[in-house]
Amino acid sequence: MTQMFHVFLVGAGPGDPELLTVRAYNLLHEAEVILYDSLVDPRVLRLARKGARMIDVGKRCGRHAASQKMICEILVAEARTGAMVVRLKGGDPMIFGRATEEMAALDEAGIAYEVVPGITAASAAAASLGISLTQRGVARSLHFLTGHGADDGLPGHDWVALTRSGGTIAVYMGGQTIAGLAAHLIESGMRPDMPAIAVENASLPNQRNLFGSIAMLPRLLEAAKPGGPVLICIGEALRGDVRGDEVFLNVERVNTA
């Protein structure tokens, strides 16, 4: 029989504490042990109950304080003490959050768990920019990609299919691989002047927006040297909003939100 431990895989959202779900907020106040990633904003961590044991597992693109195997082992060990455990992940646990491995480890150990979704970076970026990632007659699909593979390079994608889809592409962790990403898309038939935006630190006070085209975005990012997580959005839906206002068109600019 499955033992009923209290384990929660919780999405911390894109960073702004006000974008936490009510469920996530309540669990932070109740948890006895919290395992958190480096991308979780310190203001979110300060919402933890007094006396909660905070374990920094330090997972971030290119910088891993703990391996995924070690994180799974710690999660299972803490759950077996009978404590109420929260595994706090940036964004949504089910979108590039490595939740599969952690759920598998809990299943193997016979530990029950609950997944609490969070607002993902693409949603936060679109809201802050006031640009819908889908638009009737322009972009009827939205594709979430990872720009960072297990070997720190650009993962393989069906670039031709993505280019032909005509939808909006949202690339997570693509700041370091944007040059290869842009080259693949253009080689697969994407117009070099396709609108593209890079958003650093979506939802945070130091959010920075880089507007350009898919051809020029690698140069813009190289010059900007972002230090925070970068989300890249590409597609015709970014060219203007439904009112017809020009957001950008072949114009380079950098905004700080």
C-alpha atoms as a PDB file:
ATOM      1  CA  MET A   1       0.000   0.000   0.000  1.00  0.00           C
ATOM      2  CA  THR A   2       1.240   3.501  -0.847  1.00  0.00           C
ATOM      3  CA  GLN A   3       2.300   5.421   2.228  1.00  0.00           C
ATOM      4  CA  MET A   4       0.627   8.816   2.554  1.00  0.00           C
ATOM      5  CA  PHE A   5       3.466  11.233   3.052  1.00  0.00           C
ATOM      6  CA  HIS A   6       2.935  14.920   2.439  1.00  0.00           C
ATOM      7  CA  VAL A   7       4.986  15.841  -0.635  1.00  0.00           C
ATOM      8  CA  PHE A   8       4.148  18.668  -3.019  1.00  0.00           C
ATOM      9  CA  LEU A   9       5.857  19.609  -6.287  1.00  0.00           C
ATOM     10  CA  VAL A  10       5.032  23.305  -6.392  1.00  0.00           C
ATOM     11  CA  GLY A  11       5.414  25.859  -9.172  1.00  0.00           C
ATOM     12  CA  ALA A  12       6.845  29.137  -7.842  1.00  0.00           C
ATOM     13  CA  GLY A  13       5.870  31.018 -10.997  1.00  0.00           C
ATOM     14  CA  PRO A  14       8.177  33.335 -12.970  1.00  0.00           C
ATOM     15  CA  GLY A  15       9.477  35.263  -9.955  1.00  0.00           C
ATOM     16  CA  ASP A  16       7.025  37.915  -8.773  1.00  0.00           C
ATOM     17  CA  PRO A  17       5.563  36.646  -5.464  1.00  0.00           C
ATOM     18  CA  GLU A  18       2.200  38.169  -6.371  1.00  0.00           C
ATOM     19  CA  LEU A  19       1.966  35.675  -9.240  1.00  0.00           C
ATOM     20  CA  LEU A  20       2.014  32.680  -6.897  1.00  0.00           C
ATOM     21  CA  THR A  21      -1.149  30.625  -6.849  1.00  0.00           C
ATOM     22  CA  VAL A  22      -3.132  30.676  -3.614  1.00  0.00           C
ATOM     23  CA  ARG A  23      -2.382  26.950  -3.242  1.00  0.00           C
ATOM     24  CA  ALA A  24       1.377  27.549  -3.525  1.00  0.00           C
ATOM     25  CA  TYR A  25       1.204  30.431  -1.037  1.00  0.00           C
ATOM     26  CA  ASN A  26      -0.647  28.312   1.520  1.00  0.00           C
ATOM     27  CA  LEU A  27       1.723  25.367   1.155  1.00  0.00           C
ATOM     28  CA  LEU A  28       4.762  27.579   1.730  1.00  0.00           C
ATOM     29  CA  HIS A  29       3.217  28.646   5.019  1.00  0.00           C
ATOM     30  CA  GLU A  30       2.634  25.019   6.031  1.00  0.00           C
ATOM     31  CA  ALA A  31       5.714  23.158   4.782  1.00  0.00           C
ATOM     32  CA  GLU A  32       8.282  21.889   7.257  1.00  0.00           C
ATOM     33  CA  VAL A  33      10.928  21.254   4.587  1.00  0.00           C
ATOM     34  CA  ILE A  34      11.374  23.188   1.318  1.00  0.00           C
ATOM     35  CA  LEU A  35      13.747  22.113  -1.458  1.00  0.00           C
ATOM     36  CA  TYR A  36      14.143  25.053  -3.821  1.00  0.00           C
ATOM     37  CA  ASP A  37      15.870  25.888  -7.097  1.00  0.00           C
ATOM     38  CA  SER A  38      18.152  28.862  -7.771  1.00  0.00           C
ATOM     39  CA  LEU A  39      15.564  30.480 -10.039  1.00  0.00           C
ATOM     40  CA  VAL A  40      13.092  30.886  -7.184  1.00  0.00           C
ATOM     41  CA  ASP A  41      12.984  34.557  -6.188  1.00  0.00           C
ATOM     42  CA  PRO A  42      14.215  35.287  -2.612  1.00  0.00           C
ATOM     43  CA  ARG A  43      10.951  37.134  -1.905  1.00  0.00           C
ATOM     44  CA  VAL A  44       9.081  33.883  -2.507  1.00  0.00           C
ATOM     45  CA  LEU A  45      11.371  32.028  -0.114  1.00  0.00           C
ATOM     46  CA  ARG A  46      10.660  34.600   2.594  1.00  0.00           C
ATOM     47  CA  LEU A  47       7.031  33.435   2.565  1.00  0.00           C
ATOM     48  CA  ALA A  48       8.066  30.115   4.124  1.00  0.00           C
ATOM     49  CA  ARG A  49       6.823  29.357   7.619  1.00  0.00           C
ATOM     50  CA  LYS A  50       9.108  30.278  10.497  1.00  0.00           C
ATOM     51  CA  GLY A  51      11.391  27.385  11.325  1.00  0.00           C
ATOM     52  CA  ALA A  52      10.987  25.610   8.008  1.00  0.00           C
ATOM     53  CA  ARG A  53      14.144  23.836   6.882  1.00  0.00           C
ATOM     54  CA  MET A  54      15.302  25.355   3.597  1.00  0.00           C
ATOM     55  CA  ILE A  55      17.421  23.171   1.297  1.00  0.00           C
ATOM     56  CA  ASP A  56      19.063  24.876  -1.676  1.00  0.00           C
ATOM     57  CA  VAL A  57      19.421  22.333  -4.464  1.00  0.00           C
ATOM     58  CA  GLY A  58      20.726  25.078  -6.717  1.00  0.00           C
ATOM     59  CA  LYS A  59      19.469  23.833 -10.077  1.00  0.00           C
ATOM     60  CA  ARG A  60      19.933  26.365 -12.862  1.00  0.00           C
ATOM     61  CA  CYS A  61      20.876  26.229 -16.512  1.00  0.00           C
ATOM     62  CA  GLY A  62      24.624  25.556 -16.625  1.00  0.00           C
ATOM     63  CA  ARG A  63      25.043  25.729 -12.840  1.00  0.00           C
ATOM     64  CA  HIS A  64      23.996  22.678 -10.835  1.00  0.00           C
ATOM     65  CA  ALA A  65      24.751  22.608  -7.123  1.00  0.00           C
ATOM     66  CA  ALA A  66      23.077  19.191  -6.917  1.00  0.00           C
ATOM     67  CA  SER A  67      22.590  16.576  -9.608  1.00  0.00           C
ATOM     68  CA  GLN A  68      19.059  15.526 -10.479  1.00  0.00           C
ATOM     69  CA  LYS A  69      19.794  12.102  -8.975  1.00  0.00           C
ATOM     70  CA  MET A  70      20.866  13.719  -5.715  1.00  0.00           C
ATOM     71  CA  ILE A  71      17.780  15.943  -5.659  1.00  0.00           C
ATOM     72  CA  CYS A  72      15.556  12.880  -6.023  1.00  0.00           C
ATOM     73  CA  GLU A  73      17.402  11.107  -3.205  1.00  0.00           C
ATOM     74  CA  ILE A  74      17.078  14.112  -0.886  1.00  0.00           C
ATOM     75  CA  LEU A  75      13.379  14.474  -1.715  1.00  0.00           C
ATOM     76  CA  VAL A  76      12.656  10.830  -0.894  1.00  0.00           C
ATOM     77  CA  ALA A  77      14.754  10.906   2.281  1.00  0.00           C
ATOM     78  CA  GLU A  78      13.027  14.030   3.587  1.00  0.00           C
ATOM     79  CA  ALA A  79       9.599  12.622   2.776  1.00  0.00           C
ATOM     80  CA  ARG A  80      10.369   9.444   4.714  1.00  0.00           C
ATOM     81  CA  THR A  81      10.882  11.465   7.909  1.00  0.00           C
ATOM     82  CA  GLY A  82       7.158  12.200   7.857  1.00  0.00           C
ATOM     83  CA  ALA A  83       7.660  15.935   7.417  1.00  0.00           C
ATOM     84  CA  MET A  84       5.512  17.958   5.062  1.00  0.00           C
ATOM     85  CA  VAL A  85       7.841  18.557   2.096  1.00  0.00           C
ATOM     86  CA  VAL A  86       7.554  21.136  -0.683  1.00  0.00           C
ATOM     87  CA  ARG A  87       9.730  20.826  -3.775  1.00  0.00           C
ATOM     88  CA  LEU A  88       9.669  24.405  -5.064  1.00  0.00           C
ATOM     89  CA  LYS A  89      10.422  24.930  -8.753  1.00  0.00           C
ATOM     90  CA  GLY A  90      10.578  28.084 -10.846  1.00  0.00           C
ATOM     91  CA  GLY A  91       7.700  28.519 -13.280  1.00  0.00           C
ATOM     92  CA  ASP A  92       5.541  25.437 -13.709  1.00  0.00           C
ATOM     93  CA  PRO A  93       6.894  22.035 -12.582  1.00  0.00           C
ATOM     94  CA  MET A  94       5.546  20.331 -15.714  1.00  0.00           C
ATOM     95  CA  ILE A  95       7.192  22.683 -18.243  1.00  0.00           C
ATOM     96  CA  PHE A  96      10.930  21.991 -18.466  1.00  0.00           C
ATOM     97  CA  GLY A  97      10.946  21.464 -14.703  1.00  0.00           C
ATOM     98  CA  ARG A  98      12.385  17.913 -14.565  1.00  0.00           C
ATOM     99  CA  ALA A  99       9.286  16.847 -12.643  1.00  0.00           C
ATOM    100  CA  THR A 100       9.179  13.471 -14.402  1.00  0.00           C
ATOM    101  CA  GLU A 101      12.318  12.209 -12.657  1.00  0.00           C
ATOM    102  CA  GLU A 102      11.136  13.368  -9.253  1.00  0.00           C
ATOM    103  CA  MET A 103       7.673  11.860  -9.648  1.00  0.00           C
ATOM    104  CA  ALA A 104       9.269   8.582 -10.763  1.00  0.00           C
ATOM    105  CA  ALA A 105      11.515   8.551  -7.678  1.00  0.00           C
ATOM    106  CA  LEU A 106       8.542   9.189  -5.398  1.00  0.00           C
ATOM    107  CA  ASP A 107       6.486   6.494  -7.141  1.00  0.00           C
ATOM    108  CA  GLU A 108       9.305   3.986  -6.763  1.00  0.00           C
ATOM    109  CA  ALA A 109       9.572   4.801  -3.064  1.00  0.00           C
ATOM    110  CA  GLY A 110       5.807   4.450  -2.583  1.00  0.00           C
ATOM    111  CA  ILE A 111       5.408   8.094  -1.620  1.00  0.00           C
ATOM    112  CA  ALA A 112       2.257   9.961  -2.559  1.00  0.00           C
ATOM    113  CA  TYR A 113       2.574  13.479  -3.940  1.00  0.00           C
ATOM    114  CA  GLU A 114       0.604  16.346  -5.415  1.00  0.00           C
ATOM    115  CA  VAL A 115       1.655  18.654  -8.263  1.00  0.00           C
ATOM    116  CA  VAL A 116       0.741  22.322  -7.895  1.00  0.00           C
ATOM    117  CA  PRO A 117       0.999  24.231 -11.208  1.00  0.00           C
ATOM    118  CA  GLY A 118       2.582  27.645 -11.525  1.00  0.00           C
ATOM    119  CA  ILE A 119       2.544  30.471 -14.055  1.00  0.00           C
ATOM    120  CA  THR A 120       5.133  29.736 -16.729  1.00  0.00           C
ATOM    121  CA  ALA A 121       7.602  32.327 -18.035  1.00  0.00           C
ATOM    122  CA  ALA A 122       5.994  32.599 -21.470  1.00  0.00           C
ATOM    123  CA  SER A 123       2.672  33.646 -19.944  1.00  0.00           C
ATOM    124  CA  ALA A 124       4.363  36.187 -17.670  1.00  0.00           C
ATOM    125  CA  ALA A 125       6.410  37.647 -20.528  1.00  0.00           C
ATOM    126  CA  ALA A 126       3.387  37.988 -22.796  1.00  0.00           C
ATOM    127  CA  ALA A 127       1.395  39.698 -20.042  1.00  0.00           C
ATOM    128  CA  SER A 128       4.155  42.167 -19.217  1.00  0.00           C
ATOM    129  CA  LEU A 129       4.636  43.049 -22.878  1.00  0.00           C
ATOM    130  CA  GLY A 130       0.919  43.307 -23.598  1.00  0.00           C
ATOM    131  CA  ILE A 131       1.355  41.015 -26.597  1.00  0.00           C
ATOM    132  CA  SER A 132      -0.776  37.906 -27.118  1.00  0.00           C
ATOM    133  CA  LEU A 133       1.248  34.892 -28.231  1.00  0.00           C
ATOM    134  CA  THR A 134      -1.736  33.639 -30.223  1.00  0.00           C
ATOM    135  CA  GLN A 135      -3.852  35.677 -32.568  1.00  0.00           C
ATOM    136  CA  ARG A 136      -6.754  34.807 -34.814  1.00  0.00           C
ATOM    137  CA  GLY A 137      -5.667  34.529 -38.430  1.00  0.00           C
ATOM    138  CA  VAL A 138      -1.997  35.066 -37.536  1.00  0.00           C
ATOM    139  CA  ALA A 139      -0.844  32.490 -34.976  1.00  0.00           C
ATOM    140  CA  ARG A 140      -3.136  29.580 -34.171  1.00  0.00           C
ATOM    141  CA  SER A 141      -0.531  27.549 -32.293  1.00  0.00           C
ATOM    142  CA  LEU A 142       2.078  28.047 -29.607  1.00  0.00           C
ATOM    143  CA  HIS A 143       5.209  25.892 -29.373  1.00  0.00           C
ATOM    144  CA  PHE A 144       7.279  25.599 -26.193  1.00  0.00           C
ATOM    145  CA  LEU A 145      10.900  24.601 -26.879  1.00  0.00           C
ATOM    146  CA  THR A 146      13.973  24.190 -24.757  1.00  0.00           C
ATOM    147  CA  GLY A 147      17.075  25.886 -26.082  1.00  0.00           C
ATOM    148  CA  HIS A 148      19.369  24.039 -23.700  1.00  0.00           C
ATOM    149  CA  GLY A 149      20.143  20.326 -23.996  1.00  0.00           C
ATOM    150  CA  ALA A 150      21.731  17.873 -21.606  1.00  0.00           C
ATOM    151  CA  ASP A 151      25.132  18.499 -23.233  1.00  0.00           C
ATOM    152  CA  ASP A 152      24.745  22.292 -22.843  1.00  0.00           C
ATOM    153  CA  GLY A 153      24.170  22.622 -26.577  1.00  0.00           C
ATOM    154  CA  LEU A 154      21.092  23.261 -28.693  1.00  0.00           C
ATOM    155  CA  PRO A 155      18.734  20.241 -28.682  1.00  0.00           C
ATOM    156  CA  GLY A 156      17.532  18.779 -31.958  1.00  0.00           C
ATOM    157  CA  HIS A 157      14.126  19.995 -33.124  1.00  0.00           C
ATOM    158  CA  ASP A 158      12.153  19.630 -36.336  1.00  0.00           C
ATOM    159  CA  TRP A 159      13.092  23.097 -37.549  1.00  0.00           C
ATOM    160  CA  VAL A 160      11.255  22.783 -40.866  1.00  0.00           C
ATOM    161  CA  ALA A 161       8.002  21.778 -39.148  1.00  0.00           C
ATOM    162  CA  LEU A 162       8.335  24.637 -36.658  1.00  0.00           C
ATOM    163  CA  THR A 163       8.954  27.129 -39.444  1.00  0.00           C
ATOM    164  CA  ARG A 164       5.986  25.890 -41.477  1.00  0.00           C
ATOM    165  CA  SER A 165       3.612  25.841 -38.516  1.00  0.00           C
ATOM    166  CA  GLY A 166       3.133  29.599 -38.625  1.00  0.00           C
ATOM    167  CA  GLY A 167       2.624  29.673 -34.862  1.00  0.00           C
ATOM    168  CA  THR A 168       4.512  31.464 -32.125  1.00  0.00           C
ATOM    169  CA  ILE A 169       7.649  29.818 -30.761  1.00  0.00           C
ATOM    170  CA  ALA A 170       8.592  30.296 -27.106  1.00  0.00           C
ATOM    171  CA  VAL A 171      12.129  29.159 -26.323  1.00  0.00           C
ATOM    172  CA  TYR A 172      13.139  28.536 -22.714  1.00  0.00           C
ATOM    173  CA  MET A 173      16.815  28.672 -21.714  1.00  0.00           C
ATOM    174  CA  GLY A 174      17.805  29.831 -25.179  1.00  0.00           C
ATOM    175  CA  GLY A 175      20.046  32.773 -24.361  1.00  0.00           C
ATOM    176  CA  GLN A 176      23.279  30.826 -24.869  1.00  0.00           C
ATOM    177  CA  THR A 177      22.180  28.966 -28.005  1.00  0.00           C
ATOM    178  CA  ILE A 178      20.316  31.729 -29.848  1.00  0.00           C
ATOM    179  CA  ALA A 179      22.857  31.901 -32.678  1.00  0.00           C
ATOM    180  CA  GLY A 180      22.349  28.250 -33.597  1.00  0.00           C
ATOM    181  CA  LEU A 181      18.606  28.508 -33.051  1.00  0.00           C
ATOM    182  CA  ALA A 182      18.301  31.486 -35.401  1.00  0.00           C
ATOM    183  CA  ALA A 183      20.503  29.843 -38.030  1.00  0.00           C
ATOM    184  CA  HIS A 184      18.440  26.633 -38.014  1.00  0.00           C
ATOM    185  CA  LEU A 185      15.140  28.501 -38.348  1.00  0.00           C
ATOM    186  CA  ILE A 186      16.360  30.753 -41.157  1.00  0.00           C
ATOM    187  CA  GLU A 187      17.932  27.800 -42.996  1.00  0.00           C
ATOM    188  CA  SER A 188      14.572  26.013 -42.676  1.00  0.00           C
ATOM    189  CA  GLY A 189      12.741  28.842 -44.424  1.00  0.00           C
ATOM    190  CA  MET A 190      11.899  31.394 -41.736  1.00  0.00           C
ATOM    191  CA  ARG A 191      12.117  34.968 -42.941  1.00  0.00           C
ATOM    192  CA  PRO A 192      15.132  36.759 -41.420  1.00  0.00           C
ATOM    193  CA  ASP A 193      12.886  39.694 -40.483  1.00  0.00           C
ATOM    194  CA  MET A 194      10.519  37.512 -38.433  1.00  0.00           C
ATOM    195  CA  PRO A 195       9.756  39.424 -35.207  1.00  0.00           C
ATOM    196  CA  ALA A 196      11.575  38.118 -32.154  1.00  0.00           C
ATOM    197  CA  ILE A 197      11.758  39.252 -28.536  1.00  0.00           C
ATOM    198  CA  ALA A 198      14.101  38.178 -25.757  1.00  0.00           C
ATOM    199  CA  VAL A 199      12.796  38.746 -22.233  1.00  0.00           C
ATOM    200  CA  GLU A 200      15.232  38.547 -19.340  1.00  0.00           C
ATOM    201  CA  ASN A 201      13.874  38.067 -15.797  1.00  0.00           C
ATOM    202  CA  ALA A 202      10.216  38.010 -16.811  1.00  0.00           C
ATOM    203  CA  SER A 203       7.903  39.535 -14.147  1.00  0.00           C
ATOM    204  CA  LEU A 204      10.758  40.857 -11.990  1.00  0.00           C
ATOM    205  CA  PRO A 205      11.562  44.541 -11.342  1.00  0.00           C
ATOM    206  CA  ASN A 206      14.728  44.195 -13.447  1.00  0.00           C
ATOM    207  CA  GLN A 207      12.947  42.674 -16.440  1.00  0.00           C
ATOM    208  CA  ARG A 208      14.657  43.620 -19.689  1.00  0.00           C
ATOM    209  CA  ASN A 209      13.106  43.301 -23.151  1.00  0.00           C
ATOM    210  CA  LEU A 210      15.102  43.089 -26.369  1.00  0.00           C
ATOM    211  CA  PHE A 211      13.077  43.684 -29.533  1.00  0.00           C
ATOM    212  CA  GLY A 212      14.310  42.794 -33.000  1.00  0.00           C
ATOM    213  CA  SER A 213      14.109  40.094 -35.652  1.00  0.00           C
ATOM    214  CA  ILE A 214      15.245  36.491 -35.594  1.00  0.00           C
ATOM    215  CA  ALA A 215      18.280  37.489 -37.669  1.00  0.00           C
ATOM    216  CA  MET A 216      19.387  40.313 -35.381  1.00  0.00           C
ATOM    217  CA  LEU A 217      18.478  38.833 -31.982  1.00  0.00           C
ATOM    218  CA  PRO A 218      21.762  36.882 -31.534  1.00  0.00           C
ATOM    219  CA  ARG A 219      23.710  40.134 -31.906  1.00  0.00           C
ATOM    220  CA  LEU A 220      21.381  41.970 -29.513  1.00  0.00           C
ATOM    221  CA  LEU A 221      21.752  39.290 -26.850  1.00  0.00           C
ATOM    222  CA  GLU A 222      25.506  39.156 -27.255  1.00  0.00           C
ATOM    223  CA  ALA A 223      25.688  42.906 -26.684  1.00  0.00           C
ATOM    224  CA  ALA A 224      23.220  42.873 -23.775  1.00  0.00           C
ATOM    225  CA  LYS A 225      25.041  40.064 -21.900  1.00  0.00           C
ATOM    226  CA  PRO A 226      22.018  38.970 -19.832  1.00  0.00           C
ATOM    227  CA  GLY A 227      22.720  37.472 -16.436  1.00  0.00           C
ATOM    228  CA  GLY A 228      19.208  36.246 -15.663  1.00  0.00           C
ATOM    229  CA  PRO A 229      17.008  33.612 -17.307  1.00  0.00           C
ATOM    230  CA  VAL A 230      16.020  34.501 -20.868  1.00  0.00           C
ATOM    231  CA  LEU A 231      12.830  33.579 -22.685  1.00  0.00           C
ATOM    232  CA  ILE A 232      12.772  34.070 -26.466  1.00  0.00           C
ATOM    233  CA  CYS A 233       9.534  34.510 -28.411  1.00  0.00           C
ATOM    234  CA  ILE A 234       9.403  34.356 -32.203  1.00  0.00           C
ATOM    235  CA  GLY A 235       6.512  34.824 -34.612  1.00  0.00           C
ATOM    236  CA  GLU A 236       4.191  37.088 -36.569  1.00  0.00           C
ATOM    237  CA  ALA A 237       1.892  37.556 -33.574  1.00  0.00           C
ATOM    238  CA  LEU A 238       4.636  39.705 -32.032  1.00  0.00           C
ATOM    239  CA  ARG A 239       4.611  42.203 -34.880  1.00  0.00           C
ATOM    240  CA  GLY A 240       1.648  44.160 -33.513  1.00  0.00           C
ATOM    241  CA  ASP A 241      -1.393  43.787 -31.300  1.00  0.00           C
ATOM    242  CA  VAL A 242      -5.006  43.355 -32.348  1.00  0.00           C
ATOM    243  CA  ARG A 243      -5.505  47.131 -32.487  1.00  0.00           C
ATOM    244  CA  GLY A 244      -2.936  47.388 -35.240  1.00  0.00           C
ATOM    245  CA  ASP A 245      -0.389  49.306 -33.162  1.00  0.00           C
ATOM    246  CA  GLU A 246       3.158  48.677 -34.294  1.00  0.00           C
ATOM    247  CA  VAL A 247       5.142  46.910 -31.598  1.00  0.00           C
ATOM    248  CA  PHE A 248       8.260  46.776 -33.714  1.00  0.00           C
ATOM    249  CA  LEU A 249       9.210  46.153 -37.303  1.00  0.00           C
ATOM    250  CA  ASN A 250      12.880  45.708 -38.190  1.00  0.00           C
ATOM    251  CA  VAL A 251      13.814  48.091 -35.390  1.00  0.00           C
ATOM    252  CA  GLU A 252      16.372  47.274 -32.727  1.00  0.00           C
ATOM    253  CA  ARG A 253      15.553  48.455 -29.244  1.00  0.00           C
ATOM    254  CA  VAL A 254      16.131  47.439 -25.667  1.00  0.00           C
ATOM    255  CA  ASN A 255      13.546  48.213 -22.994  1.00  0.00           C
ATOM    256  CA  THR A 256      13.793  47.810 -19.255  1.00  0.00           C
ATOM    257  CA  ALA A 257      10.359  47.126 -17.832  1.00  0.00           C
END
